[in-house]
Amino acid sequence: MIPQDPVILLSYINTQLRDNYTGLEALADGLDISRDELDLITGKLHSIGYEYDESHNQFV
């Protein structure tokens, strides 16, 4: 289950990226989430000022 609170979501997604996945597409595949759901997640994180940084494989 993916957290709904944006700050907890940030921590969860960054931990998953750090520990288990090489990028957002791998994360989506591994967590079995659709491209639309991934867009909602990135949008929610953008709304609190975070963008995905591919070179660091995390939201910063």
Protein backbone atom coordinates (compact mmCIF):
# COMPACT_ATOMS: atom_id res chain seq x y z
CA MET A 1 0.00 0.00 0.00
CA ILE A 2 1.40 3.36 -1.03
CA PRO A 3 1.11 6.17 1.55
CA GLN A 4 -1.25 9.03 0.70
CA ASP A 5 0.31 11.75 2.88
CA PRO A 6 2.79 13.60 0.61
CA VAL A 7 5.62 13.79 3.17
CA ILE A 8 5.34 10.11 4.09
CA LEU A 9 5.02 9.30 0.38
CA LEU A 10 8.28 11.15 -0.28
CA SER A 11 10.11 9.12 2.34
CA TYR A 12 8.57 5.86 1.12
CA ILE A 13 9.33 6.45 -2.57
CA ASN A 14 12.90 7.63 -1.96
CA THR A 15 13.56 4.63 0.28
CA GLN A 16 12.16 2.27 -2.35
CA LEU A 17 14.28 3.92 -5.05
CA ARG A 18 17.40 3.78 -2.91
CA ASP A 19 16.99 0.21 -1.71
CA ASN A 20 15.21 -1.63 -4.51
CA TYR A 21 14.88 0.14 -7.86
CA THR A 22 17.11 1.74 -10.48
CA GLY A 23 14.55 4.34 -11.56
CA LEU A 24 10.91 5.36 -11.69
CA GLU A 25 9.94 2.85 -14.39
CA ALA A 26 11.49 -0.01 -12.42
CA LEU A 27 9.68 1.21 -9.30
CA ALA A 28 6.34 1.29 -11.16
CA ASP A 29 6.92 -2.22 -12.50
CA GLY A 30 8.06 -3.56 -9.14
CA LEU A 31 5.16 -2.03 -7.21
CA ASP A 32 2.72 -2.94 -9.99
CA ILE A 33 1.46 0.61 -10.47
CA SER A 34 0.28 2.08 -13.75
CA ARG A 35 1.80 5.02 -15.57
CA ASP A 36 -1.23 7.10 -14.49
CA GLU A 37 -0.66 6.18 -10.83
CA LEU A 38 3.03 7.04 -11.20
CA ASP A 39 2.02 10.42 -12.65
CA LEU A 40 -0.23 11.01 -9.63
CA ILE A 41 2.63 10.17 -7.27
CA THR A 42 5.09 12.47 -9.03
CA GLY A 43 2.42 15.20 -9.14
CA LYS A 44 1.77 14.87 -5.42
CA LEU A 45 5.51 15.12 -4.70
CA HIS A 46 5.81 18.09 -7.06
CA SER A 47 3.04 19.82 -5.11
CA ILE A 48 5.27 19.83 -2.01
CA GLY A 49 8.31 21.04 -3.96
CA TYR A 50 10.07 17.81 -4.97
CA GLU A 51 11.15 16.69 -8.43
CA TYR A 52 12.72 13.42 -9.50
CA ASP A 53 16.47 13.69 -10.08
CA GLU A 54 17.48 10.83 -12.35
CA SER A 55 21.20 11.25 -11.64
CA HIS A 56 20.59 10.67 -7.92
CA ASN A 57 17.58 8.35 -8.40
CA GLN A 58 15.56 10.22 -5.82
CA PHE A 59 13.17 13.09 -5.35
CA VAL A 60 14.99 16.23 -4.27
